């Protein structure tokens, strides 16, 4: 099957869509060289990430948790957005009603130039004050920088959603409104195994919307109408280029 034959059904669906949305996961970041959270490369100093990304771990040893997050920030800062990230920015320019939702906390979409998106699990380059609830930028990777700029407290934590925590109500409600109105969802580099994100495609499909899955991983669990078994950095630029030419 040629590249065009693979992409044509997705382009046709996009042309018909009135309320499209995109959901991105760890796979698109992995294409930029960022280790996946649950992969073997996610281990740090023999710590399983699943034991560090919890409120309990932070309460027990906040210094170690912060050192891990600062290590991750150093890795992310050394990487660049890839062609998939930039293609999404271009698609958003072509489709102003497109909503982009990411499960990633690395900020690569913003660095590629995407201004409007929902970050389901927060952002690793932000911190939240436990004293006054102020959320602020924290790009530094030293423990000495961990002070709230609003109240001066050192009781701050990464502004990310940990295991055992809920996505903030305002964010998840806005996302669910988007899902309920979407007539097309494009899932990119996400396994379809973690809820609530795994349920988005199910809901869109239940209402006879179109599910496009872009993922080279054969273990992707998303039920789909259109499957593009390629990395986002290869498939998305071609898709956006052809879509632009046909509009």
C-alpha atoms as a PDB file:
ATOM      1  CA  UNK A   1       0.000   0.000   0.000  1.00  0.00           C
ATOM      2  CA  UNK A   2       1.406   3.414  -0.951  1.00  0.00           C
ATOM      3  CA  UNK A   3       1.844   6.304   1.481  1.00  0.00           C
ATOM      4  CA  UNK A   4      -1.034   8.154  -0.163  1.00  0.00           C
ATOM      5  CA  UNK A   5      -3.369   5.152   0.168  1.00  0.00           C
ATOM      6  CA  UNK A   6      -2.596   5.018   3.898  1.00  0.00           C
ATOM      7  CA  UNK A   7      -3.175   8.723   4.464  1.00  0.00           C
ATOM      8  CA  UNK A   8      -6.099   9.403   2.115  1.00  0.00           C
ATOM      9  CA  UNK A   9      -8.868   8.080   4.424  1.00  0.00           C
ATOM     10  CA  UNK A  10      -7.516  10.218   7.281  1.00  0.00           C
ATOM     11  CA  UNK A  11      -7.398  13.314   5.084  1.00  0.00           C
ATOM     12  CA  UNK A  12     -10.950  12.745   3.885  1.00  0.00           C
ATOM     13  CA  UNK A  13     -12.130  12.396   7.470  1.00  0.00           C
ATOM     14  CA  UNK A  14     -10.356  15.604   8.483  1.00  0.00           C
ATOM     15  CA  UNK A  15     -11.904  17.488   5.563  1.00  0.00           C
ATOM     16  CA  UNK A  16     -15.386  16.430   6.736  1.00  0.00           C
ATOM     17  CA  UNK A  17     -14.772  17.053  10.428  1.00  0.00           C
ATOM     18  CA  UNK A  18     -16.261  20.072  12.186  1.00  0.00           C
ATOM     19  CA  UNK A  19     -15.003  19.421  15.711  1.00  0.00           C
ATOM     20  CA  UNK A  20     -11.692  17.535  15.494  1.00  0.00           C
ATOM     21  CA  UNK A  21      -9.407  16.810  18.423  1.00  0.00           C
ATOM     22  CA  UNK A  22      -5.932  15.362  18.913  1.00  0.00           C
ATOM     23  CA  UNK A  23      -4.669  13.334  21.858  1.00  0.00           C
ATOM     24  CA  UNK A  24      -0.902  12.854  22.147  1.00  0.00           C
ATOM     25  CA  UNK A  25       1.019  10.507  24.420  1.00  0.00           C
ATOM     26  CA  UNK A  26       4.542   9.468  25.303  1.00  0.00           C
ATOM     27  CA  UNK A  27       5.281   8.071  21.840  1.00  0.00           C
ATOM     28  CA  UNK A  28       5.593  11.474  20.177  1.00  0.00           C
ATOM     29  CA  UNK A  29       8.040  12.596  22.874  1.00  0.00           C
ATOM     30  CA  UNK A  30      10.020   9.373  22.545  1.00  0.00           C
ATOM     31  CA  UNK A  31      10.658  10.349  18.918  1.00  0.00           C
ATOM     32  CA  UNK A  32      12.520  13.372  20.291  1.00  0.00           C
ATOM     33  CA  UNK A  33      14.680  11.107  22.444  1.00  0.00           C
ATOM     34  CA  UNK A  34      12.841  11.515  25.734  1.00  0.00           C
ATOM     35  CA  UNK A  35      12.679   8.186  27.645  1.00  0.00           C
ATOM     36  CA  UNK A  36       9.171   6.885  28.100  1.00  0.00           C
ATOM     37  CA  UNK A  37       7.906   6.982  31.647  1.00  0.00           C
ATOM     38  CA  UNK A  38       7.105   3.293  31.901  1.00  0.00           C
ATOM     39  CA  UNK A  39       9.915   1.969  29.724  1.00  0.00           C
ATOM     40  CA  UNK A  40      13.121   0.347  30.928  1.00  0.00           C
ATOM     41  CA  UNK A  41      14.919   3.642  30.312  1.00  0.00           C
ATOM     42  CA  UNK A  42      12.648   5.350  32.825  1.00  0.00           C
ATOM     43  CA  UNK A  43      14.561   3.924  35.787  1.00  0.00           C
ATOM     44  CA  UNK A  44      16.752   6.361  37.737  1.00  0.00           C
ATOM     45  CA  UNK A  45      19.280   5.377  40.433  1.00  0.00           C
ATOM     46  CA  UNK A  46      17.508   2.004  40.530  1.00  0.00           C
ATOM     47  CA  UNK A  47      14.226   3.723  41.402  1.00  0.00           C
ATOM     48  CA  UNK A  48      11.087   2.614  39.599  1.00  0.00           C
ATOM     49  CA  UNK A  49       9.339   5.812  38.403  1.00  0.00           C
ATOM     50  CA  UNK A  50       6.033   4.345  39.528  1.00  0.00           C
ATOM     51  CA  UNK A  51       7.259   4.558  43.125  1.00  0.00           C
ATOM     52  CA  UNK A  52       8.431   8.171  42.808  1.00  0.00           C
ATOM     53  CA  UNK A  53       5.449   9.772  41.086  1.00  0.00           C
ATOM     54  CA  UNK A  54       3.141   9.569  44.092  1.00  0.00           C
ATOM     55  CA  UNK A  55       2.055  11.897  46.894  1.00  0.00           C
ATOM     56  CA  UNK A  56       3.290   9.281  49.378  1.00  0.00           C
ATOM     57  CA  UNK A  57       6.813   9.312  47.930  1.00  0.00           C
ATOM     58  CA  UNK A  58       6.904  13.099  48.068  1.00  0.00           C
ATOM     59  CA  UNK A  59       5.693  13.147  51.671  1.00  0.00           C
ATOM     60  CA  UNK A  60       8.326  10.580  52.640  1.00  0.00           C
ATOM     61  CA  UNK A  61      11.319  11.984  50.738  1.00  0.00           C
ATOM     62  CA  UNK A  62      10.602  15.176  48.802  1.00  0.00           C
ATOM     63  CA  UNK A  63      14.294  15.774  48.105  1.00  0.00           C
ATOM     64  CA  UNK A  64      14.711  12.524  46.168  1.00  0.00           C
ATOM     65  CA  UNK A  65      11.507  13.147  44.214  1.00  0.00           C
ATOM     66  CA  UNK A  66      12.668  16.657  43.302  1.00  0.00           C
ATOM     67  CA  UNK A  67      16.097  15.349  42.281  1.00  0.00           C
ATOM     68  CA  UNK A  68      14.378  12.904  39.928  1.00  0.00           C
ATOM     69  CA  UNK A  69      12.201  15.605  38.389  1.00  0.00           C
ATOM     70  CA  UNK A  70      15.166  17.927  38.002  1.00  0.00           C
ATOM     71  CA  UNK A  71      17.076  15.114  36.275  1.00  0.00           C
ATOM     72  CA  UNK A  72      14.164  14.643  33.901  1.00  0.00           C
ATOM     73  CA  UNK A  73      14.050  18.385  33.203  1.00  0.00           C
ATOM     74  CA  UNK A  74      17.711  18.313  32.226  1.00  0.00           C
ATOM     75  CA  UNK A  75      17.030  15.518  29.738  1.00  0.00           C
ATOM     76  CA  UNK A  76      13.992  17.275  28.271  1.00  0.00           C
ATOM     77  CA  UNK A  77      15.823  20.590  27.941  1.00  0.00           C
ATOM     78  CA  UNK A  78      18.533  18.874  25.896  1.00  0.00           C
ATOM     79  CA  UNK A  79      15.956  17.582  23.367  1.00  0.00           C
ATOM     80  CA  UNK A  80      14.003  19.342  20.637  1.00  0.00           C
ATOM     81  CA  UNK A  81      10.454  19.079  19.276  1.00  0.00           C
ATOM     82  CA  UNK A  82      10.297  16.771  16.273  1.00  0.00           C
ATOM     83  CA  UNK A  83       8.535  16.983  12.925  1.00  0.00           C
ATOM     84  CA  UNK A  84       5.370  15.542  14.467  1.00  0.00           C
ATOM     85  CA  UNK A  85       5.127  18.394  16.960  1.00  0.00           C
ATOM     86  CA  UNK A  86       5.591  20.993  14.238  1.00  0.00           C
ATOM     87  CA  UNK A  87       3.034  19.298  11.987  1.00  0.00           C
ATOM     88  CA  UNK A  88       0.418  19.571  14.745  1.00  0.00           C
ATOM     89  CA  UNK A  89       1.115  23.308  14.990  1.00  0.00           C
ATOM     90  CA  UNK A  90       0.569  23.634  11.245  1.00  0.00           C
ATOM     91  CA  UNK A  91      -2.641  21.590  11.405  1.00  0.00           C
ATOM     92  CA  UNK A  92      -3.945  23.848  14.169  1.00  0.00           C
ATOM     93  CA  UNK A  93      -3.303  26.848  11.918  1.00  0.00           C
ATOM     94  CA  UNK A  94      -5.302  25.163   9.153  1.00  0.00           C
ATOM     95  CA  UNK A  95      -8.070  24.031  11.528  1.00  0.00           C
ATOM     96  CA  UNK A  96      -8.671  26.720  14.166  1.00  0.00           C
ATOM     97  CA  UNK A  97     -11.387  24.577  15.784  1.00  0.00           C
ATOM     98  CA  UNK A  98      -8.923  21.735  16.396  1.00  0.00           C
ATOM     99  CA  UNK A  99      -8.427  20.968  20.092  1.00  0.00           C
ATOM    100  CA  UNK A 100      -5.114  19.459  21.181  1.00  0.00           C
ATOM    101  CA  UNK A 101      -4.835  17.460  24.410  1.00  0.00           C
ATOM    102  CA  UNK A 102      -1.591  15.938  25.633  1.00  0.00           C
ATOM    103  CA  UNK A 103      -0.784  13.424  28.323  1.00  0.00           C
ATOM    104  CA  UNK A 104       2.842  14.581  28.258  1.00  0.00           C
ATOM    105  CA  UNK A 105       4.374  16.959  30.799  1.00  0.00           C
ATOM    106  CA  UNK A 106       7.475  17.925  28.810  1.00  0.00           C
ATOM    107  CA  UNK A 107       6.261  21.139  27.138  1.00  0.00           C
ATOM    108  CA  UNK A 108       7.520  20.115  23.682  1.00  0.00           C
ATOM    109  CA  UNK A 109       4.248  21.124  22.026  1.00  0.00           C
ATOM    110  CA  UNK A 110       4.674  24.672  23.333  1.00  0.00           C
ATOM    111  CA  UNK A 111       8.301  24.779  22.262  1.00  0.00           C
ATOM    112  CA  UNK A 112       7.162  23.823  18.757  1.00  0.00           C
ATOM    113  CA  UNK A 113       4.875  26.857  18.775  1.00  0.00           C
ATOM    114  CA  UNK A 114       1.526  25.441  19.874  1.00  0.00           C
ATOM    115  CA  UNK A 115      -0.151  28.054  22.046  1.00  0.00           C
ATOM    116  CA  UNK A 116      -3.509  26.489  22.891  1.00  0.00           C
ATOM    117  CA  UNK A 117      -3.635  22.985  24.355  1.00  0.00           C
ATOM    118  CA  UNK A 118      -4.754  21.066  27.409  1.00  0.00           C
ATOM    119  CA  UNK A 119      -2.042  19.425  29.505  1.00  0.00           C
ATOM    120  CA  UNK A 120      -3.883  16.610  31.241  1.00  0.00           C
ATOM    121  CA  UNK A 121      -1.068  15.725  33.616  1.00  0.00           C
ATOM    122  CA  UNK A 122       0.466  19.150  34.163  1.00  0.00           C
ATOM    123  CA  UNK A 123       3.870  20.460  33.187  1.00  0.00           C
ATOM    124  CA  UNK A 124       7.232  19.423  34.602  1.00  0.00           C
ATOM    125  CA  UNK A 125       8.532  22.975  34.201  1.00  0.00           C
ATOM    126  CA  UNK A 126       5.966  24.359  36.639  1.00  0.00           C
ATOM    127  CA  UNK A 127       5.640  23.990  40.396  1.00  0.00           C
ATOM    128  CA  UNK A 128       2.793  24.440  42.837  1.00  0.00           C
ATOM    129  CA  UNK A 129       3.101  26.021  46.253  1.00  0.00           C
ATOM    130  CA  UNK A 130       1.560  23.927  49.012  1.00  0.00           C
ATOM    131  CA  UNK A 131       1.196  27.003  51.188  1.00  0.00           C
ATOM    132  CA  UNK A 132      -0.630  29.439  48.872  1.00  0.00           C
ATOM    133  CA  UNK A 133      -1.451  27.235  45.834  1.00  0.00           C
ATOM    134  CA  UNK A 134       0.410  29.545  43.424  1.00  0.00           C
ATOM    135  CA  UNK A 135       1.531  27.825  40.230  1.00  0.00           C
ATOM    136  CA  UNK A 136       4.765  29.220  38.832  1.00  0.00           C
ATOM    137  CA  UNK A 137       7.463  28.487  36.281  1.00  0.00           C
ATOM    138  CA  UNK A 138      10.363  26.375  37.526  1.00  0.00           C
ATOM    139  CA  UNK A 139      12.902  25.800  34.785  1.00  0.00           C
ATOM    140  CA  UNK A 140      15.845  25.534  37.182  1.00  0.00           C
ATOM    141  CA  UNK A 141      17.340  22.168  38.075  1.00  0.00           C
ATOM    142  CA  UNK A 142      18.780  23.030  41.490  1.00  0.00           C
ATOM    143  CA  UNK A 143      17.076  22.356  44.799  1.00  0.00           C
ATOM    144  CA  UNK A 144      18.008  25.850  45.964  1.00  0.00           C
ATOM    145  CA  UNK A 145      15.517  27.314  43.456  1.00  0.00           C
ATOM    146  CA  UNK A 146      12.541  25.675  45.124  1.00  0.00           C
ATOM    147  CA  UNK A 147      10.821  28.684  46.618  1.00  0.00           C
ATOM    148  CA  UNK A 148       7.400  30.083  45.797  1.00  0.00           C
ATOM    149  CA  UNK A 149       7.788  33.491  44.088  1.00  0.00           C
ATOM    150  CA  UNK A 150       4.500  34.628  45.615  1.00  0.00           C
ATOM    151  CA  UNK A 151       4.854  33.811  49.321  1.00  0.00           C
ATOM    152  CA  UNK A 152       8.467  32.663  49.615  1.00  0.00           C
ATOM    153  CA  UNK A 153       7.564  29.228  50.983  1.00  0.00           C
ATOM    154  CA  UNK A 154       9.794  26.263  50.199  1.00  0.00           C
ATOM    155  CA  UNK A 155       6.787  23.949  50.425  1.00  0.00           C
ATOM    156  CA  UNK A 156       6.518  23.442  46.678  1.00  0.00           C
ATOM    157  CA  UNK A 157       5.971  20.388  44.492  1.00  0.00           C
ATOM    158  CA  UNK A 158       6.098  19.641  40.754  1.00  0.00           C
ATOM    159  CA  UNK A 159       2.872  20.758  39.116  1.00  0.00           C
ATOM    160  CA  UNK A 160       2.089  17.338  37.683  1.00  0.00           C
ATOM    161  CA  UNK A 161      -0.633  14.792  38.336  1.00  0.00           C
ATOM    162  CA  UNK A 162       0.753  11.873  40.308  1.00  0.00           C
ATOM    163  CA  UNK A 163      -0.561   8.339  40.608  1.00  0.00           C
ATOM    164  CA  UNK A 164      -3.472   8.344  43.010  1.00  0.00           C
ATOM    165  CA  UNK A 165      -4.378  11.965  42.194  1.00  0.00           C
ATOM    166  CA  UNK A 166      -7.200  13.329  40.074  1.00  0.00           C
ATOM    167  CA  UNK A 167      -6.810  15.655  37.126  1.00  0.00           C
ATOM    168  CA  UNK A 168      -7.838  19.165  38.271  1.00  0.00           C
ATOM    169  CA  UNK A 169     -11.586  19.605  37.865  1.00  0.00           C
ATOM    170  CA  UNK A 170     -11.514  22.659  35.612  1.00  0.00           C
ATOM    171  CA  UNK A 171      -9.137  20.947  33.172  1.00  0.00           C
ATOM    172  CA  UNK A 172     -10.860  17.569  33.018  1.00  0.00           C
ATOM    173  CA  UNK A 173     -14.309  19.163  32.665  1.00  0.00           C
ATOM    174  CA  UNK A 174     -13.122  21.229  29.698  1.00  0.00           C
ATOM    175  CA  UNK A 175     -11.528  18.170  28.139  1.00  0.00           C
ATOM    176  CA  UNK A 176     -14.660  16.060  28.595  1.00  0.00           C
ATOM    177  CA  UNK A 177     -16.744  18.815  26.979  1.00  0.00           C
ATOM    178  CA  UNK A 178     -14.386  18.655  24.006  1.00  0.00           C
ATOM    179  CA  UNK A 179     -14.693  14.863  23.806  1.00  0.00           C
ATOM    180  CA  UNK A 180     -18.482  15.005  23.965  1.00  0.00           C
ATOM    181  CA  UNK A 181     -18.566  17.423  21.014  1.00  0.00           C
ATOM    182  CA  UNK A 182     -15.797  15.876  18.906  1.00  0.00           C
ATOM    183  CA  UNK A 183     -16.668  14.153  15.639  1.00  0.00           C
ATOM    184  CA  UNK A 184     -13.069  13.044  15.064  1.00  0.00           C
ATOM    185  CA  UNK A 185     -10.189  12.145  17.350  1.00  0.00           C
ATOM    186  CA  UNK A 186      -6.619  11.560  16.246  1.00  0.00           C
ATOM    187  CA  UNK A 187      -4.644   9.580  18.820  1.00  0.00           C
ATOM    188  CA  UNK A 188      -0.892   9.959  18.433  1.00  0.00           C
ATOM    189  CA  UNK A 189       1.751   7.925  20.219  1.00  0.00           C
ATOM    190  CA  UNK A 190      -0.465   6.791  23.054  1.00  0.00           C
ATOM    191  CA  UNK A 191      -1.199   3.212  24.097  1.00  0.00           C
ATOM    192  CA  UNK A 192      -4.885   3.522  24.907  1.00  0.00           C
ATOM    193  CA  UNK A 193      -4.484   1.755  28.249  1.00  0.00           C
ATOM    194  CA  UNK A 194      -4.558   4.629  30.766  1.00  0.00           C
ATOM    195  CA  UNK A 195      -7.844   6.224  31.779  1.00  0.00           C
ATOM    196  CA  UNK A 196      -9.491   8.640  31.441  1.00  0.00           C
ATOM    197  CA  UNK A 197      -7.625   9.296  28.155  1.00  0.00           C
ATOM    198  CA  UNK A 198      -8.230   5.734  26.957  1.00  0.00           C
ATOM    199  CA  UNK A 199     -11.959   6.418  27.071  1.00  0.00           C
ATOM    200  CA  UNK A 200     -11.885   9.436  24.763  1.00  0.00           C
ATOM    201  CA  UNK A 201     -11.719   7.435  21.538  1.00  0.00           C
ATOM    202  CA  UNK A 202     -14.400   5.064  22.839  1.00  0.00           C
ATOM    203  CA  UNK A 203     -16.756   7.987  23.444  1.00  0.00           C
ATOM    204  CA  UNK A 204     -16.107   9.601  20.063  1.00  0.00           C
ATOM    205  CA  UNK A 205     -16.634   6.288  18.307  1.00  0.00           C
ATOM    206  CA  UNK A 206     -19.796   5.574  20.323  1.00  0.00           C
ATOM    207  CA  UNK A 207     -21.302   8.701  18.777  1.00  0.00           C
ATOM    208  CA  UNK A 208     -20.188   7.533  15.304  1.00  0.00           C
ATOM    209  CA  UNK A 209     -17.216   9.858  15.172  1.00  0.00           C
ATOM    210  CA  UNK A 210     -13.971   8.860  13.473  1.00  0.00           C
ATOM    211  CA  UNK A 211     -10.919   7.536  15.322  1.00  0.00           C
ATOM    212  CA  UNK A 212      -7.542   7.915  13.605  1.00  0.00           C
ATOM    213  CA  UNK A 213      -4.683   6.162  15.384  1.00  0.00           C
ATOM    214  CA  UNK A 214      -1.102   7.109  14.493  1.00  0.00           C
ATOM    215  CA  UNK A 215       1.218   4.757  16.305  1.00  0.00           C
ATOM    216  CA  UNK A 216       4.060   2.454  15.213  1.00  0.00           C
ATOM    217  CA  UNK A 217       3.468   0.264  18.272  1.00  0.00           C
ATOM    218  CA  UNK A 218       1.546  -2.860  17.385  1.00  0.00           C
ATOM    219  CA  UNK A 219       0.368  -3.114  21.005  1.00  0.00           C
ATOM    220  CA  UNK A 220      -1.738   0.040  20.839  1.00  0.00           C
ATOM    221  CA  UNK A 221      -5.097  -0.740  22.431  1.00  0.00           C
ATOM    222  CA  UNK A 222      -7.177   1.904  20.664  1.00  0.00           C
ATOM    223  CA  UNK A 223     -10.105   0.715  18.600  1.00  0.00           C
ATOM    224  CA  UNK A 224      -9.858   2.736  15.424  1.00  0.00           C
ATOM    225  CA  UNK A 225     -11.443   3.423  12.084  1.00  0.00           C
ATOM    226  CA  UNK A 226      -8.196   4.486  10.432  1.00  0.00           C
ATOM    227  CA  UNK A 227      -4.831   3.071  11.470  1.00  0.00           C
ATOM    228  CA  UNK A 228      -1.524   4.654  10.426  1.00  0.00           C
ATOM    229  CA  UNK A 229       1.227   2.373  11.702  1.00  0.00           C
ATOM    230  CA  UNK A 230       4.033   4.944  11.483  1.00  0.00           C
ATOM    231  CA  UNK A 231       5.878   7.324  13.822  1.00  0.00           C
ATOM    232  CA  UNK A 232       4.235  10.739  14.111  1.00  0.00           C
ATOM    233  CA  UNK A 233       7.360  12.441  12.788  1.00  0.00           C
ATOM    234  CA  UNK A 234       6.949  10.589   9.489  1.00  0.00           C
ATOM    235  CA  UNK A 235       3.175  10.400   9.078  1.00  0.00           C
ATOM    236  CA  UNK A 236       2.006  13.796  10.322  1.00  0.00           C
ATOM    237  CA  UNK A 237       4.087  16.076   8.064  1.00  0.00           C
ATOM    238  CA  UNK A 238       2.871  14.166   4.978  1.00  0.00           C
ATOM    239  CA  UNK A 239      -0.699  14.157   6.202  1.00  0.00           C
ATOM    240  CA  UNK A 240      -0.708  17.893   6.916  1.00  0.00           C
ATOM    241  CA  UNK A 241       0.950  18.717   3.601  1.00  0.00           C
ATOM    242  CA  UNK A 242      -1.635  16.741   1.633  1.00  0.00           C
ATOM    243  CA  UNK A 243      -4.505  18.081   3.736  1.00  0.00           C
ATOM    244  CA  UNK A 244      -3.338  21.656   3.114  1.00  0.00           C
ATOM    245  CA  UNK A 245      -3.189  21.069  -0.629  1.00  0.00           C
ATOM    246  CA  UNK A 246      -6.773  19.750  -0.742  1.00  0.00           C
ATOM    247  CA  UNK A 247      -8.473  22.422   1.382  1.00  0.00           C
END
